[in-house]
Amino acid sequence: MERIIKAAVDRGASDLHIKAGDVFRARIHGKLVPLTKQALTPEQTRTIALHLMSNEDDKARIDKITDYDCSWSSPGIGRFRVNIMKQRSSFMIVMRVIPFEVPTFEKLRLPHALARVAEAERGMVLVTGVTGSGKSSTMAAMVNYINAHENRHILTLENPIEFLHTDMQSSITQREIGSDTTDFKMGLRAALRQDPDVVMIGEMRDAETIDTAMKAAETGHLLISTLHTPDAQSTILRIMAMFPPEEQDVVRIRLSETLTSVVSQRLLPRADGNGRAVAAEILIVTPAVRDMIADGGRIGEIRDYIADGRDQYGMQTFDQHLADLVSEGTVTFETAMAAATNPSDFELKMRMFQRVAPKSPDTSMATNEPAMAPNGSAPASEKTGVEGMTQGGNFDFLGQ
């Protein structure tokens, strides 16, 4: 098993899928590709799940588990965020690769405005996007920036702990749900008594956690967390919708007072086929934005305000960043238009300004994934068939 996992990591996999009745699969360059020829049996998948679990009490009740999160690491292979689940009464495992090195804004090629976001003294910073859009890496880069530049106590609540931070200018306390604290709600309530300056929550999943997070921001802490929302405007609406209708007016006022910024991101395939680039929308909450949120009826004006505030505040919409990526030659026009918030407006503006994509230094987040062949076909490492097979352990798996 470990040889197959290492082969996948060496090929730049971001996720691995292990399921009873199916072959090993890995997500490489955004595509799920097979790694082996033989399908796993339910007993093999159960054995792998036991191997990945570190808690002996949890191992003892494995047959009663339906959803389980943990982390796993192996020297020479890497660290992984692991989710074990039941499907069709047998086990399936999804492993997310976690780099050993803590990312920085520069290595992820994120916009410079994020440094200003991380420098906030208090308030709520939300990193949003769909699953697999790089939210965890962006939050880790924010924590790393604060750690390198500020004298603060940073407390994280994660399920599981992903990036391992080393104390630099700041002191970092990392707590894992399940082993270090009961759950996000309990951990967040306890955090307010642990003298933090910065609190990072892996994910805000319900109204109670959001309510406690806003209390943390209201009491002078900087809170960083994530939501699965596509852009800044929908993030505000989603938070309000998580509360009962009779509470939403009060929540909207509290949100207008505590929200500091929203960073929404999407990963797009690079034009050269070598990994993916990040497109980011950045909302900096100014007094004008606070008025729009508090009003409720003016939330729809936020997107236009972001576009107008680019030069003065460092904000940007998705479509503005996509235009930059096309101009730099980082992504193709077709890819950008498909990802645009308003595709027809984006196409009109691009054609109106007659942008040409010049070759320029890369300014986007890239992942360690295999390059595409010159003719645009899949990488050689993704070839299937007899010529792509090598023998390893009890499985035949695709060679590199």
Protein backbone atom coordinates (compact mmCIF):
# COMPACT_ATOMS: atom_id res chain seq x y z
CA MET A 1 0.00 0.00 0.00
CA GLU A 2 2.71 2.47 0.98
CA ARG A 3 4.58 1.87 -2.28
CA ILE A 4 1.46 2.72 -4.24
CA ILE A 5 0.84 5.85 -2.14
CA LYS A 6 4.46 6.95 -2.64
CA ALA A 7 4.17 6.40 -6.40
CA ALA A 8 1.07 8.60 -6.44
CA VAL A 9 2.75 11.34 -4.39
CA ASP A 10 5.81 11.24 -6.67
CA ARG A 11 3.49 11.85 -9.63
CA GLY A 12 2.06 14.94 -7.96
CA ALA A 13 -1.22 13.51 -6.63
CA SER A 14 -3.33 15.80 -4.46
CA ASP A 15 -5.79 13.10 -3.30
CA LEU A 16 -5.95 9.30 -3.19
CA HIS A 17 -9.15 7.22 -3.34
CA ILE A 18 -9.15 3.70 -1.85
CA LYS A 19 -12.46 1.82 -2.16
CA ALA A 20 -13.59 -1.76 -1.80
CA GLY A 21 -14.44 -3.17 -5.22
CA ASP A 22 -12.34 -0.60 -7.09
CA VAL A 23 -8.68 0.00 -7.94
CA PHE A 24 -6.46 2.58 -6.22
CA ARG A 25 -7.11 5.99 -7.79
CA ALA A 26 -5.34 9.34 -7.47
CA ARG A 27 -6.28 12.89 -8.40
CA ILE A 28 -3.44 14.16 -10.56
CA HIS A 29 -3.67 17.52 -12.29
CA GLY A 30 -7.30 17.67 -11.22
CA LYS A 31 -8.22 14.35 -12.89
CA LEU A 32 -8.96 11.08 -11.09
CA VAL A 33 -6.78 8.39 -12.67
CA PRO A 34 -6.32 4.67 -11.85
CA LEU A 35 -3.06 3.52 -10.25
CA THR A 36 -3.53 -0.27 -10.12
CA LYS A 37 -5.15 -3.08 -12.08
CA GLN A 38 -6.54 -5.19 -9.24
CA ALA A 39 -9.66 -4.16 -7.36
CA LEU A 40 -9.48 -4.11 -3.58
CA THR A 41 -11.55 -6.50 -1.51
CA PRO A 42 -13.61 -5.23 1.46
CA GLU A 43 -11.21 -6.95 3.85
CA GLN A 44 -8.17 -5.29 2.24
CA THR A 45 -9.81 -1.87 2.49
CA ARG A 46 -10.67 -2.50 6.17
CA THR A 47 -7.05 -3.49 6.85
CA ILE A 48 -5.79 -0.30 5.21
CA ALA A 49 -8.23 1.77 7.29
CA LEU A 50 -6.91 0.15 10.48
CA HIS A 51 -3.34 0.88 9.37
CA LEU A 52 -4.14 4.57 8.91
CA MET A 53 -5.89 4.98 12.29
CA SER A 54 -3.61 5.82 15.24
CA ASN A 55 -6.12 5.79 18.10
CA GLU A 56 -6.43 2.30 19.60
CA ASP A 57 -9.90 2.98 21.00
CA ASP A 58 -11.13 3.99 17.55
CA LYS A 59 -9.56 0.88 16.02
CA ALA A 60 -11.51 -1.28 18.45
CA ARG A 61 -14.81 0.15 17.21
CA ILE A 62 -13.92 0.34 13.52
CA ASP A 63 -16.91 -1.74 12.41
CA LYS A 64 -19.26 0.81 14.03
CA ILE A 65 -17.61 3.79 12.34
CA THR A 66 -19.48 5.43 9.47
CA ASP A 67 -17.46 8.67 9.12
CA TYR A 68 -14.01 9.25 10.63
CA ASP A 69 -11.30 11.90 10.24
CA CYS A 70 -7.64 11.53 11.18
CA SER A 71 -4.14 12.29 9.93
CA TRP A 72 -1.42 9.87 8.89
CA SER A 73 2.25 10.26 8.04
CA SER A 74 5.07 8.04 6.95
CA PRO A 75 8.80 8.90 6.59
CA GLY A 76 9.79 9.25 2.97
CA ILE A 77 6.16 9.37 1.79
CA GLY A 78 4.44 12.38 3.34
CA ARG A 79 1.62 13.56 5.56
CA PHE A 80 -2.07 13.08 4.76
CA ARG A 81 -5.49 14.19 5.93
CA VAL A 82 -7.57 11.01 6.00
CA ASN A 83 -11.33 10.49 5.80
CA ILE A 84 -12.66 6.97 6.35
CA MET A 85 -16.30 6.34 5.45
CA LYS A 86 -18.77 3.54 4.84
CA GLN A 87 -20.39 3.04 1.43
CA ARG A 88 -22.43 -0.01 0.45
CA SER A 89 -21.58 -1.44 3.89
CA SER A 90 -17.84 -1.50 3.15
CA PHE A 91 -15.04 1.02 3.68
CA MET A 92 -13.78 3.79 1.44
CA ILE A 93 -10.81 6.02 2.24
CA VAL A 94 -9.92 9.43 0.80
CA MET A 95 -6.44 10.78 1.57
CA ARG A 96 -5.48 14.43 0.97
CA VAL A 97 -1.74 15.08 0.58
CA ILE A 98 -0.36 17.66 3.02
CA PRO A 99 3.04 19.15 2.16
CA PHE A 100 5.65 19.05 4.94
CA GLU A 101 6.69 22.62 4.18
CA VAL A 102 4.38 25.37 5.44
CA PRO A 103 3.37 27.51 2.43
CA THR A 104 3.97 31.24 2.04
CA PHE A 105 2.08 33.83 0.01
CA GLU A 106 4.98 33.97 -2.43
CA LYS A 107 5.18 30.21 -3.01
CA LEU A 108 1.44 29.97 -3.50
CA ARG A 109 1.60 33.05 -5.76
CA LEU A 110 -1.28 34.70 -3.95
CA PRO A 111 -2.11 38.42 -4.39
CA HIS A 112 -0.02 40.84 -2.31
CA ALA A 113 -3.17 42.21 -0.67
CA LEU A 114 -3.31 39.07 1.51
CA ALA A 115 -0.39 40.36 3.58
CA ARG A 116 -2.53 43.34 4.53
CA VAL A 117 -5.40 40.98 5.39
CA ALA A 118 -3.14 38.95 7.71
CA GLU A 119 -1.95 42.11 9.46
CA ALA A 120 -5.43 42.90 10.86
CA GLU A 121 -5.44 43.32 14.63
CA ARG A 122 -8.95 41.95 15.16
CA GLY A 123 -12.07 40.88 13.31
CA MET A 124 -13.09 37.91 11.19
CA VAL A 125 -11.22 36.81 8.06
CA LEU A 126 -12.94 34.17 5.93
CA VAL A 127 -11.28 32.07 3.22
CA THR A 128 -13.93 30.56 0.98
CA GLY A 129 -14.24 28.29 -2.03
CA VAL A 130 -15.32 24.82 -3.09
CA THR A 131 -13.66 21.68 -1.74
CA GLY A 132 -10.14 21.33 -3.13
CA SER A 133 -9.68 25.02 -3.96
CA GLY A 134 -6.65 25.51 -1.68
CA LYS A 135 -8.37 27.08 1.35
CA SER A 136 -6.25 25.19 3.90
CA SER A 137 -3.03 26.24 2.16
CA THR A 138 -4.10 29.90 2.10
CA MET A 139 -5.00 29.85 5.81
CA ALA A 140 -1.67 28.18 6.62
CA ALA A 141 0.12 30.91 4.66
CA MET A 142 -1.73 33.57 6.69
CA VAL A 143 -0.73 31.90 9.96
CA ASN A 144 2.84 31.58 8.69
CA TYR A 145 2.94 35.30 7.79
CA ILE A 146 1.68 36.34 11.24
CA ASN A 147 4.13 33.91 12.86
CA ALA A 148 7.04 35.48 10.97
CA HIS A 149 6.10 39.14 11.53
CA GLU A 150 4.09 39.50 14.76
CA ASN A 151 4.52 38.69 18.45
CA ARG A 152 1.21 36.92 19.06
CA HIS A 153 -0.34 33.76 20.47
CA ILE A 154 -1.93 31.86 17.59
CA LEU A 155 -4.34 29.04 18.48
CA THR A 156 -5.63 26.65 15.81
CA LEU A 157 -8.53 24.19 15.93
CA GLU A 158 -8.23 21.61 13.15
CA ASN A 159 -9.73 18.26 12.18
CA PRO A 160 -7.15 16.92 11.70
CA ILE A 161 -4.02 19.08 12.11
CA GLU A 162 -2.63 19.61 8.63
CA PHE A 163 0.42 21.89 8.39
CA LEU A 164 2.82 21.67 11.35
CA HIS A 165 3.92 25.19 12.33
CA THR A 166 7.12 26.01 14.20
CA ASP A 167 7.19 28.93 16.66
CA MET A 168 8.99 31.96 15.22
CA GLN A 169 8.00 35.47 16.32
CA SER A 170 4.71 34.06 17.60
CA SER A 171 3.73 31.16 19.85
CA ILE A 172 1.50 28.66 18.04
CA THR A 173 -0.85 26.21 19.80
CA GLN A 174 -2.34 23.58 17.48
CA ARG A 175 -5.29 21.53 18.79
CA GLU A 176 -6.79 18.56 16.97
CA ILE A 177 -10.49 17.79 17.24
CA GLY A 178 -11.04 14.42 18.89
CA SER A 179 -7.63 14.09 20.54
CA ASP A 180 -6.95 17.56 22.01
CA THR A 181 -10.52 18.85 22.36
CA THR A 182 -14.00 17.38 21.99
CA ASP A 183 -15.28 19.38 19.00
CA PHE A 184 -15.08 22.78 17.30
CA LYS A 185 -17.73 24.31 19.56
CA MET A 186 -16.05 23.23 22.80
CA GLY A 187 -12.58 24.09 21.51
CA LEU A 188 -13.64 27.56 20.38
CA ARG A 189 -15.40 28.34 23.66
CA ALA A 190 -12.31 27.18 25.57
CA ALA A 191 -10.01 29.18 23.26
CA LEU A 192 -11.44 32.46 24.52
CA ARG A 193 -10.00 31.59 27.97
CA GLN A 194 -6.56 30.64 26.63
CA ASP A 195 -5.23 34.16 25.93
CA PRO A 196 -5.09 33.93 22.12
CA ASP A 197 -4.48 36.87 19.82
CA VAL A 198 -5.35 34.87 16.69
CA VAL A 199 -7.75 31.91 16.46
CA MET A 200 -7.86 29.74 13.34
CA ILE A 201 -10.80 27.35 12.93
CA GLY A 202 -10.61 24.67 10.25
CA GLU A 203 -14.24 25.18 9.24
CA MET A 204 -17.36 26.93 10.53
CA ARG A 205 -20.05 24.29 10.07
CA ASP A 206 -23.09 25.59 11.94
CA ALA A 207 -24.78 28.65 13.41
CA GLU A 208 -23.47 27.99 16.92
CA THR A 209 -19.83 27.93 15.77
CA ILE A 210 -20.36 31.11 13.71
CA ASP A 211 -21.98 32.80 16.70
CA THR A 212 -19.01 31.93 18.94
CA ALA A 213 -16.59 33.01 16.19
CA MET A 214 -18.27 36.42 15.99
CA LYS A 215 -18.03 36.71 19.78
CA ALA A 216 -14.29 36.03 19.51
CA ALA A 217 -13.96 38.82 16.93
CA GLU A 218 -16.13 41.13 19.04
CA THR A 219 -13.84 40.65 22.04
CA GLY A 220 -10.74 41.80 20.15
CA HIS A 221 -9.38 38.60 18.59
CA LEU A 222 -8.43 37.97 14.97
CA LEU A 223 -10.38 34.93 13.79
CA ILE A 224 -9.53 33.07 10.57
CA SER A 225 -11.81 30.35 9.19
CA THR A 226 -13.33 28.88 6.03
CA LEU A 227 -16.73 28.47 4.39
CA HIS A 228 -17.78 26.55 1.28
CA THR A 229 -19.09 29.58 -0.60
CA PRO A 230 -18.12 30.69 -4.13
CA ASP A 231 -17.57 34.43 -3.58
CA ALA A 232 -17.63 37.28 -1.05
CA GLN A 233 -21.22 38.35 -1.62
CA SER A 234 -22.64 34.83 -1.26
CA THR A 235 -20.52 34.32 1.88
CA ILE A 236 -22.39 37.11 3.66
CA LEU A 237 -25.75 35.76 2.53
CA ARG A 238 -24.83 32.20 3.55
CA ILE A 239 -23.87 33.23 7.09
CA MET A 240 -27.17 35.06 7.53
CA ALA A 241 -29.15 32.11 6.15
CA MET A 242 -27.66 29.75 8.74
CA PHE A 243 -29.62 31.53 11.48
CA PRO A 244 -33.40 31.52 12.11
CA PRO A 245 -35.27 34.35 10.34
CA GLU A 246 -36.00 36.16 13.61
CA GLU A 247 -32.26 36.38 14.37
CA GLN A 248 -31.00 37.42 10.95
CA ASP A 249 -31.29 41.19 11.44
CA VAL A 250 -29.14 41.04 14.58
CA VAL A 251 -26.67 38.66 12.88
CA ARG A 252 -26.36 41.04 9.93
CA ILE A 253 -25.49 43.94 12.25
CA ARG A 254 -22.95 41.83 14.15
CA LEU A 255 -21.42 40.62 10.89
CA SER A 256 -21.09 44.18 9.60
CA GLU A 257 -19.14 45.06 12.76
CA THR A 258 -16.86 41.98 12.94
CA LEU A 259 -16.10 40.98 9.33
CA THR A 260 -12.66 42.20 8.21
CA SER A 261 -12.20 40.53 4.85
CA VAL A 262 -13.30 37.66 2.62
CA VAL A 263 -10.89 35.82 0.32
CA SER A 264 -12.62 33.54 -2.19
CA GLN A 265 -10.62 31.38 -4.54
CA ARG A 266 -10.84 28.92 -7.43
CA LEU A 267 -8.15 26.72 -8.94
CA LEU A 268 -7.86 26.70 -12.73
CA PRO A 269 -5.72 24.59 -15.07
CA ARG A 270 -2.68 26.51 -16.27
CA ALA A 271 -2.30 27.22 -19.96
CA ASP A 272 1.01 25.31 -20.09
CA GLY A 273 -0.61 22.26 -18.46
CA ASN A 274 1.83 22.39 -15.55
CA GLY A 275 -0.39 22.39 -12.47
CA ARG A 276 -3.12 24.85 -11.56
CA ALA A 277 -3.32 28.59 -10.86
CA VAL A 278 -5.42 30.35 -8.23
CA ALA A 279 -7.96 33.02 -9.12
CA ALA A 280 -8.94 35.04 -6.05
CA GLU A 281 -11.64 37.53 -5.15
CA ILE A 282 -10.69 39.77 -2.23
CA LEU A 283 -13.12 41.87 -0.21
CA ILE A 284 -11.63 44.34 2.28
CA VAL A 285 -14.42 45.47 4.61
CA THR A 286 -14.37 49.29 4.65
CA PRO A 287 -16.90 51.58 6.39
CA ALA A 288 -18.88 51.68 3.13
CA VAL A 289 -19.04 47.86 3.00
CA ARG A 290 -20.12 47.76 6.66
CA ASP A 291 -23.02 50.06 5.75
CA MET A 292 -24.00 47.80 2.84
CA ILE A 293 -24.03 44.70 5.06
CA ALA A 294 -25.93 46.44 7.87
CA ASP A 295 -28.52 47.77 5.43
CA GLY A 296 -29.29 44.30 4.08
CA GLY A 297 -30.91 45.62 0.93
CA ARG A 298 -27.55 46.86 -0.40
CA ILE A 299 -25.58 43.59 -0.16
CA GLY A 300 -26.02 43.22 -3.92
CA GLU A 301 -23.87 46.34 -4.42
CA ILE A 302 -20.79 44.72 -2.88
CA ARG A 303 -19.44 43.11 -6.05
CA ASP A 304 -19.38 46.41 -7.96
CA TYR A 305 -17.79 48.11 -4.95
CA ILE A 306 -15.01 45.49 -4.93
CA ALA A 307 -14.31 46.20 -8.60
CA ASP A 308 -14.18 49.96 -8.03
CA GLY A 309 -11.96 49.65 -4.93
CA ARG A 310 -9.09 47.79 -6.54
CA ASP A 311 -6.59 50.64 -6.78
CA GLN A 312 -7.44 52.26 -3.46
CA TYR A 313 -7.92 49.25 -1.21
CA GLY A 314 -6.29 46.32 -3.04
CA MET A 315 -9.62 44.54 -3.57
CA GLN A 316 -10.39 42.58 -6.70
CA THR A 317 -13.23 40.56 -8.20
CA PHE A 318 -12.79 37.13 -9.73
CA ASP A 319 -13.29 38.56 -13.20
CA GLN A 320 -10.59 41.21 -12.67
CA HIS A 321 -8.09 38.58 -11.55
CA LEU A 322 -9.09 36.27 -14.38
CA ALA A 323 -8.43 39.08 -16.86
CA ASP A 324 -4.95 39.48 -15.36
CA LEU A 325 -4.28 35.74 -15.62
CA VAL A 326 -5.31 35.72 -19.28
CA SER A 327 -3.21 38.81 -19.99
CA GLU A 328 -0.17 37.15 -18.39
CA GLY A 329 -0.74 33.94 -20.36
CA THR A 330 -1.19 31.94 -17.15
CA VAL A 331 -4.61 30.57 -18.15
CA THR A 332 -6.40 30.46 -21.49
CA PHE A 333 -9.24 32.80 -22.37
CA GLU A 334 -11.64 29.82 -22.64
CA THR A 335 -10.71 28.58 -19.15
CA ALA A 336 -11.11 32.04 -17.66
CA MET A 337 -14.47 32.64 -19.32
CA ALA A 338 -15.80 29.31 -18.04
CA ALA A 339 -14.79 30.28 -14.49
CA ALA A 340 -15.96 33.90 -14.66
CA THR A 341 -18.73 35.15 -12.38
CA ASN A 342 -20.38 36.90 -15.35
CA PRO A 343 -19.08 35.11 -18.48
CA SER A 344 -20.84 37.38 -20.99
CA ASP A 345 -19.59 40.58 -19.30
CA PHE A 346 -16.12 39.09 -18.99
CA GLU A 347 -15.99 38.22 -22.69
CA LEU A 348 -17.26 41.67 -23.65
CA LYS A 349 -14.66 43.47 -21.53
CA MET A 350 -11.82 41.26 -22.74
CA ARG A 351 -12.72 41.87 -26.36
CA MET A 352 -13.33 45.57 -25.78
CA PHE A 353 -9.86 46.10 -24.34
CA GLN A 354 -8.40 43.67 -26.91
CA ARG A 355 -6.17 42.03 -24.35
CA VAL A 356 -3.33 39.92 -25.69
CA ALA A 357 -1.77 37.24 -23.50
CA PRO A 358 1.97 38.00 -23.35
CA LYS A 359 4.55 35.72 -21.82
CA SER A 360 5.33 36.96 -18.32
CA PRO A 361 6.59 35.68 -14.99
CA ASP A 362 4.14 33.36 -13.25
CA THR A 363 2.06 35.06 -10.55
CA SER A 364 -0.35 32.27 -9.73
CA MET A 365 -0.46 29.41 -7.25
CA ALA A 366 0.94 26.23 -8.77
CA THR A 367 0.76 22.67 -7.56
CA ASN A 368 3.38 20.01 -7.93
CA GLU A 369 1.58 18.16 -10.68
CA PRO A 370 2.89 16.65 -13.89
CA ALA A 371 3.15 18.79 -17.00
CA MET A 372 1.03 18.07 -20.02
CA ALA A 373 2.65 16.74 -23.12
CA PRO A 374 3.44 19.32 -25.82
CA ASN A 375 0.54 18.15 -27.95
CA GLY A 376 -1.93 18.76 -25.10
CA SER A 377 -2.40 15.06 -24.33
CA ALA A 378 -2.20 13.60 -20.86
CA PRO A 379 1.23 13.37 -19.22
CA ALA A 380 3.28 10.33 -20.03
CA SER A 381 2.99 9.32 -16.36
CA GLU A 382 -0.78 8.93 -16.80
CA LYS A 383 -0.61 6.45 -19.67
CA THR A 384 -2.58 3.30 -19.21
CA GLY A 385 -2.11 -0.09 -20.78
CA VAL A 386 0.57 -2.76 -20.59
CA GLU A 387 3.43 -0.37 -21.34
CA GLY A 388 2.51 1.76 -18.30
CA MET A 389 2.47 -1.07 -15.77
CA THR A 390 5.11 -2.00 -13.23
CA GLN A 391 4.97 -4.63 -10.53
CA GLY A 392 4.90 -3.66 -6.82
CA GLY A 393 3.96 -5.67 -3.74
CA ASN A 394 0.67 -7.51 -4.18
CA PHE A 395 -0.63 -4.97 -6.69
CA ASP A 396 0.21 -4.13 -10.28
CA PHE A 397 0.30 -0.35 -10.50
CA LEU A 398 0.93 2.18 -13.21
CA GLY A 399 4.53 3.28 -13.57
CA GLN A 400 5.79 6.84 -13.40
